[in-house]
Amino acid sequence: MTAALAESGLGCERLVLEVTESAVLRGQQVSRTLFELGRMGIRLSLDDFGTGESSLSLLRDFPAAIVKLDKSFVEGIEIDDGQAAAADARQAVARAVIQLAHALGLETVAEGVESAEQVAVLRDLGYTRGQGYHLARPMTADGIACLLAQERTVTAIRPPT
């Protein structure tokens, strides 16, 4: 890993490796390797958080920098059926994860964001990052380059605020 980073010129802190809870719990060798990567400054993202077999101690003990709320907790989070208790229940896990992550100094990402309504609820809960079809469809490296070029053009055209 060190050789690949040196060859690419990419700083360790710029690399984010996503690992699932179940991968973290696979054994001592995997755990040692992940801790070593964390010590190198490589950022580790705990993917699909909340769906694995882990305990909350994983958040405290694992050298993660980012916690990704699983899409199963985002689905339906925006439903407003007029019943406050039901809406609170649908938002409870997302609320708890972001509060816990912030208390531990971890970044958060909400996965599976598929509507503007979900974005609004997640923002109200404190999420500032997300991924999902509403935000962008999966794309190739060339597609990302085009998207970034368009963003630069739009930013250059917009008057400063």
C-alpha atoms as a PDB file:
ATOM      1  CA  MET A   1       0.000   0.000   0.000  1.00  0.00           C
ATOM      2  CA  THR A   2       2.804   2.389   0.907  1.00  0.00           C
ATOM      3  CA  ALA A   3       4.509   1.799  -2.451  1.00  0.00           C
ATOM      4  CA  ALA A   4       1.258   2.370  -4.367  1.00  0.00           C
ATOM      5  CA  LEU A   5       0.646   5.650  -2.520  1.00  0.00           C
ATOM      6  CA  ALA A   6       4.202   6.817  -3.107  1.00  0.00           C
ATOM      7  CA  GLU A   7       4.023   5.917  -6.788  1.00  0.00           C
ATOM      8  CA  SER A   8       0.712   7.731  -7.266  1.00  0.00           C
ATOM      9  CA  GLY A   9       1.717  10.780  -5.251  1.00  0.00           C
ATOM     10  CA  LEU A  10      -1.560  10.547  -3.333  1.00  0.00           C
ATOM     11  CA  GLY A  11      -1.310  11.556   0.297  1.00  0.00           C
ATOM     12  CA  CYS A  12      -2.473   8.925   2.790  1.00  0.00           C
ATOM     13  CA  GLU A  13      -5.095  11.279   4.185  1.00  0.00           C
ATOM     14  CA  ARG A  14      -6.699  11.553   0.727  1.00  0.00           C
ATOM     15  CA  LEU A  15      -7.370   7.827   0.484  1.00  0.00           C
ATOM     16  CA  VAL A  16     -10.584   6.465   1.980  1.00  0.00           C
ATOM     17  CA  LEU A  17     -11.103   2.713   2.207  1.00  0.00           C
ATOM     18  CA  GLU A  18     -14.626   1.468   2.833  1.00  0.00           C
ATOM     19  CA  VAL A  19     -15.023  -1.640   4.938  1.00  0.00           C
ATOM     20  CA  THR A  20     -18.190  -3.303   6.155  1.00  0.00           C
ATOM     21  CA  GLU A  21     -18.810  -4.161   9.788  1.00  0.00           C
ATOM     22  CA  SER A  22     -18.631  -7.853   8.966  1.00  0.00           C
ATOM     23  CA  ALA A  23     -15.216  -7.411   7.285  1.00  0.00           C
ATOM     24  CA  VAL A  24     -13.864  -5.717  10.397  1.00  0.00           C
ATOM     25  CA  LEU A  25     -14.999  -8.643  12.510  1.00  0.00           C
ATOM     26  CA  ARG A  26     -13.449 -11.330  10.264  1.00  0.00           C
ATOM     27  CA  GLY A  27     -10.403 -11.984  12.396  1.00  0.00           C
ATOM     28  CA  GLN A  28      -7.213 -10.752  13.974  1.00  0.00           C
ATOM     29  CA  GLN A  29      -5.224 -10.444  10.731  1.00  0.00           C
ATOM     30  CA  VAL A  30      -7.876  -8.251   9.079  1.00  0.00           C
ATOM     31  CA  SER A  31      -8.158  -6.181  12.240  1.00  0.00           C
ATOM     32  CA  ARG A  32      -4.380  -5.702  12.506  1.00  0.00           C
ATOM     33  CA  THR A  33      -4.167  -4.698   8.844  1.00  0.00           C
ATOM     34  CA  LEU A  34      -6.962  -2.145   9.209  1.00  0.00           C
ATOM     35  CA  PHE A  35      -5.395  -0.655  12.324  1.00  0.00           C
ATOM     36  CA  GLU A  36      -2.057  -0.377  10.494  1.00  0.00           C
ATOM     37  CA  LEU A  37      -3.731   1.408   7.584  1.00  0.00           C
ATOM     38  CA  GLY A  38      -5.346   3.779  10.081  1.00  0.00           C
ATOM     39  CA  ARG A  39      -1.957   4.481  11.697  1.00  0.00           C
ATOM     40  CA  MET A  40      -0.581   5.309   8.231  1.00  0.00           C
ATOM     41  CA  GLY A  41      -3.191   8.057   7.969  1.00  0.00           C
ATOM     42  CA  ILE A  42      -5.450   6.258   5.508  1.00  0.00           C
ATOM     43  CA  ARG A  43      -9.048   7.104   6.334  1.00  0.00           C
ATOM     44  CA  LEU A  44     -11.330   4.152   7.002  1.00  0.00           C
ATOM     45  CA  SER A  45     -15.049   4.322   6.355  1.00  0.00           C
ATOM     46  CA  LEU A  46     -17.387   1.943   8.152  1.00  0.00           C
ATOM     47  CA  ASP A  47     -19.870   1.068   5.394  1.00  0.00           C
ATOM     48  CA  ASP A  48     -23.495  -0.072   5.820  1.00  0.00           C
ATOM     49  CA  PHE A  49     -23.392   0.844   9.495  1.00  0.00           C
ATOM     50  CA  GLY A  50     -26.168  -0.655  11.558  1.00  0.00           C
ATOM     51  CA  THR A  51     -26.724  -3.804   9.533  1.00  0.00           C
ATOM     52  CA  GLY A  52     -23.855  -5.988  10.746  1.00  0.00           C
ATOM     53  CA  GLU A  53     -23.178  -7.977  13.876  1.00  0.00           C
ATOM     54  CA  SER A  54     -21.130  -5.360  15.628  1.00  0.00           C
ATOM     55  CA  SER A  55     -21.692  -3.628  18.901  1.00  0.00           C
ATOM     56  CA  LEU A  56     -21.416   0.072  19.534  1.00  0.00           C
ATOM     57  CA  SER A  57     -17.926  -0.568  20.886  1.00  0.00           C
ATOM     58  CA  LEU A  58     -16.823  -0.981  17.262  1.00  0.00           C
ATOM     59  CA  LEU A  59     -17.351   2.748  16.759  1.00  0.00           C
ATOM     60  CA  ARG A  60     -15.267   3.513  19.797  1.00  0.00           C
ATOM     61  CA  ASP A  61     -12.496   0.972  19.201  1.00  0.00           C
ATOM     62  CA  PHE A  62     -12.161   0.759  15.413  1.00  0.00           C
ATOM     63  CA  PRO A  63     -10.028   3.493  13.777  1.00  0.00           C
ATOM     64  CA  ALA A  64     -12.824   4.704  11.501  1.00  0.00           C
ATOM     65  CA  ALA A  65     -12.966   8.302  10.307  1.00  0.00           C
ATOM     66  CA  ILE A  66     -16.354   7.977   8.606  1.00  0.00           C
ATOM     67  CA  VAL A  67     -19.576   6.141   9.437  1.00  0.00           C
ATOM     68  CA  LYS A  68     -21.960   5.450   6.561  1.00  0.00           C
ATOM     69  CA  LEU A  69     -25.582   5.077   7.646  1.00  0.00           C
ATOM     70  CA  ASP A  70     -27.042   2.107   5.806  1.00  0.00           C
ATOM     71  CA  LYS A  71     -29.708   2.861   3.187  1.00  0.00           C
ATOM     72  CA  SER A  72     -32.232   0.723   5.067  1.00  0.00           C
ATOM     73  CA  PHE A  73     -32.388   3.512   7.673  1.00  0.00           C
ATOM     74  CA  VAL A  74     -32.799   6.216   5.010  1.00  0.00           C
ATOM     75  CA  GLU A  75     -35.630   4.469   3.156  1.00  0.00           C
ATOM     76  CA  GLY A  76     -38.946   5.930   4.321  1.00  0.00           C
ATOM     77  CA  ILE A  77     -37.304   8.519   6.564  1.00  0.00           C
ATOM     78  CA  GLU A  78     -39.193  11.268   4.731  1.00  0.00           C
ATOM     79  CA  ILE A  79     -42.695   9.839   5.110  1.00  0.00           C
ATOM     80  CA  ASP A  80     -45.035  12.300   6.791  1.00  0.00           C
ATOM     81  CA  ASP A  81     -48.209  10.438   7.667  1.00  0.00           C
ATOM     82  CA  GLY A  82     -49.282  12.993  10.250  1.00  0.00           C
ATOM     83  CA  GLN A  83     -48.244  10.715  13.103  1.00  0.00           C
ATOM     84  CA  ALA A  84     -45.323  12.284  14.935  1.00  0.00           C
ATOM     85  CA  ALA A  85     -44.486   9.094  16.842  1.00  0.00           C
ATOM     86  CA  ALA A  86     -44.234   7.075  13.619  1.00  0.00           C
ATOM     87  CA  ALA A  87     -42.022   9.710  11.974  1.00  0.00           C
ATOM     88  CA  ASP A  88     -39.803   9.819  15.071  1.00  0.00           C
ATOM     89  CA  ALA A  89     -39.472   6.041  14.974  1.00  0.00           C
ATOM     90  CA  ARG A  90     -38.439   6.098  11.292  1.00  0.00           C
ATOM     91  CA  GLN A  91     -35.809   8.749  12.064  1.00  0.00           C
ATOM     92  CA  ALA A  92     -34.575   7.320  15.369  1.00  0.00           C
ATOM     93  CA  VAL A  93     -31.627   5.287  14.074  1.00  0.00           C
ATOM     94  CA  ALA A  94     -30.408   8.049  11.750  1.00  0.00           C
ATOM     95  CA  ARG A  95     -30.628  10.541  14.617  1.00  0.00           C
ATOM     96  CA  ALA A  96     -28.810   8.215  17.032  1.00  0.00           C
ATOM     97  CA  VAL A  97     -26.035   7.388  14.569  1.00  0.00           C
ATOM     98  CA  ILE A  98     -25.243  11.018  13.794  1.00  0.00           C
ATOM     99  CA  GLN A  99     -25.275  12.013  17.460  1.00  0.00           C
ATOM    100  CA  LEU A 100     -22.980   9.148  18.376  1.00  0.00           C
ATOM    101  CA  ALA A 101     -20.677   9.761  15.404  1.00  0.00           C
ATOM    102  CA  HIS A 102     -20.364  13.465  16.210  1.00  0.00           C
ATOM    103  CA  ALA A 103     -19.653  12.689  19.873  1.00  0.00           C
ATOM    104  CA  LEU A 104     -16.826  10.398  18.724  1.00  0.00           C
ATOM    105  CA  GLY A 105     -15.489  12.927  16.172  1.00  0.00           C
ATOM    106  CA  LEU A 106     -16.488  10.861  13.142  1.00  0.00           C
ATOM    107  CA  GLU A 107     -17.843  12.088   9.828  1.00  0.00           C
ATOM    108  CA  THR A 108     -21.163  10.724   8.609  1.00  0.00           C
ATOM    109  CA  VAL A 109     -22.595   9.820   5.214  1.00  0.00           C
ATOM    110  CA  ALA A 110     -26.198   8.770   4.568  1.00  0.00           C
ATOM    111  CA  GLU A 111     -26.473   6.047   1.915  1.00  0.00           C
ATOM    112  CA  GLY A 112     -29.361   5.396  -0.455  1.00  0.00           C
ATOM    113  CA  VAL A 113     -30.625   8.968  -0.775  1.00  0.00           C
ATOM    114  CA  GLU A 114     -33.261   8.846  -3.498  1.00  0.00           C
ATOM    115  CA  SER A 115     -35.357  12.012  -3.092  1.00  0.00           C
ATOM    116  CA  ALA A 116     -35.224  15.691  -2.229  1.00  0.00           C
ATOM    117  CA  GLU A 117     -37.539  14.951   0.707  1.00  0.00           C
ATOM    118  CA  GLN A 118     -35.007  12.518   2.153  1.00  0.00           C
ATOM    119  CA  VAL A 119     -32.281  15.134   1.721  1.00  0.00           C
ATOM    120  CA  ALA A 120     -34.368  17.661   3.660  1.00  0.00           C
ATOM    121  CA  VAL A 121     -34.988  15.288   6.585  1.00  0.00           C
ATOM    122  CA  LEU A 122     -31.354  14.163   6.691  1.00  0.00           C
ATOM    123  CA  ARG A 123     -30.148  17.780   6.680  1.00  0.00           C
ATOM    124  CA  ASP A 124     -32.528  18.554   9.550  1.00  0.00           C
ATOM    125  CA  LEU A 125     -30.979  15.643  11.447  1.00  0.00           C
ATOM    126  CA  GLY A 126     -27.493  17.055  10.819  1.00  0.00           C
ATOM    127  CA  TYR A 127     -26.228  15.005   7.867  1.00  0.00           C
ATOM    128  CA  THR A 128     -24.156  17.028   5.409  1.00  0.00           C
ATOM    129  CA  ARG A 129     -23.010  14.189   3.150  1.00  0.00           C
ATOM    130  CA  GLY A 130     -24.910  11.545   1.298  1.00  0.00           C
ATOM    131  CA  GLN A 131     -24.817   9.196  -1.607  1.00  0.00           C
ATOM    132  CA  GLY A 132     -27.571   7.792  -3.737  1.00  0.00           C
ATOM    133  CA  TYR A 133     -29.383   8.099  -7.029  1.00  0.00           C
ATOM    134  CA  HIS A 134     -30.940  11.443  -6.122  1.00  0.00           C
ATOM    135  CA  LEU A 135     -27.478  12.955  -5.798  1.00  0.00           C
ATOM    136  CA  ALA A 136     -25.782  11.189  -8.714  1.00  0.00           C
ATOM    137  CA  ARG A 137     -25.944   7.899 -10.583  1.00  0.00           C
ATOM    138  CA  PRO A 138     -22.878   5.649 -10.585  1.00  0.00           C
ATOM    139  CA  MET A 139     -20.426   6.852 -13.208  1.00  0.00           C
ATOM    140  CA  THR A 140     -17.071   6.188 -14.762  1.00  0.00           C
ATOM    141  CA  ALA A 141     -13.936   8.203 -14.043  1.00  0.00           C
ATOM    142  CA  ASP A 142     -14.551  10.106 -17.303  1.00  0.00           C
ATOM    143  CA  GLY A 143     -18.089  10.866 -16.170  1.00  0.00           C
ATOM    144  CA  ILE A 144     -16.787  12.269 -12.896  1.00  0.00           C
ATOM    145  CA  ALA A 145     -14.262  14.425 -14.774  1.00  0.00           C
ATOM    146  CA  CYS A 146     -17.084  15.836 -16.931  1.00  0.00           C
ATOM    147  CA  LEU A 147     -19.239  16.482 -13.869  1.00  0.00           C
ATOM    148  CA  LEU A 148     -16.423  18.338 -12.129  1.00  0.00           C
ATOM    149  CA  ALA A 149     -15.694  20.357 -15.277  1.00  0.00           C
ATOM    150  CA  GLN A 150     -19.375  21.365 -15.483  1.00  0.00           C
ATOM    151  CA  GLU A 151     -19.355  22.373 -11.824  1.00  0.00           C
ATOM    152  CA  ARG A 152     -16.284  24.559 -12.389  1.00  0.00           C
ATOM    153  CA  THR A 153     -18.035  26.209 -15.337  1.00  0.00           C
ATOM    154  CA  VAL A 154     -21.221  26.845 -13.353  1.00  0.00           C
ATOM    155  CA  THR A 155     -19.229  28.198 -10.404  1.00  0.00           C
ATOM    156  CA  ALA A 156     -17.243  30.490 -12.714  1.00  0.00           C
ATOM    157  CA  ILE A 157     -20.463  31.848 -14.255  1.00  0.00           C
ATOM    158  CA  ARG A 158     -22.292  32.447 -10.954  1.00  0.00           C
ATOM    159  CA  PRO A 159     -21.751  35.877  -9.454  1.00  0.00           C
ATOM    160  CA  PRO A 160     -20.153  35.831  -6.012  1.00  0.00           C
ATOM    161  CA  THR A 161     -22.596  35.953  -3.099  1.00  0.00           C
END
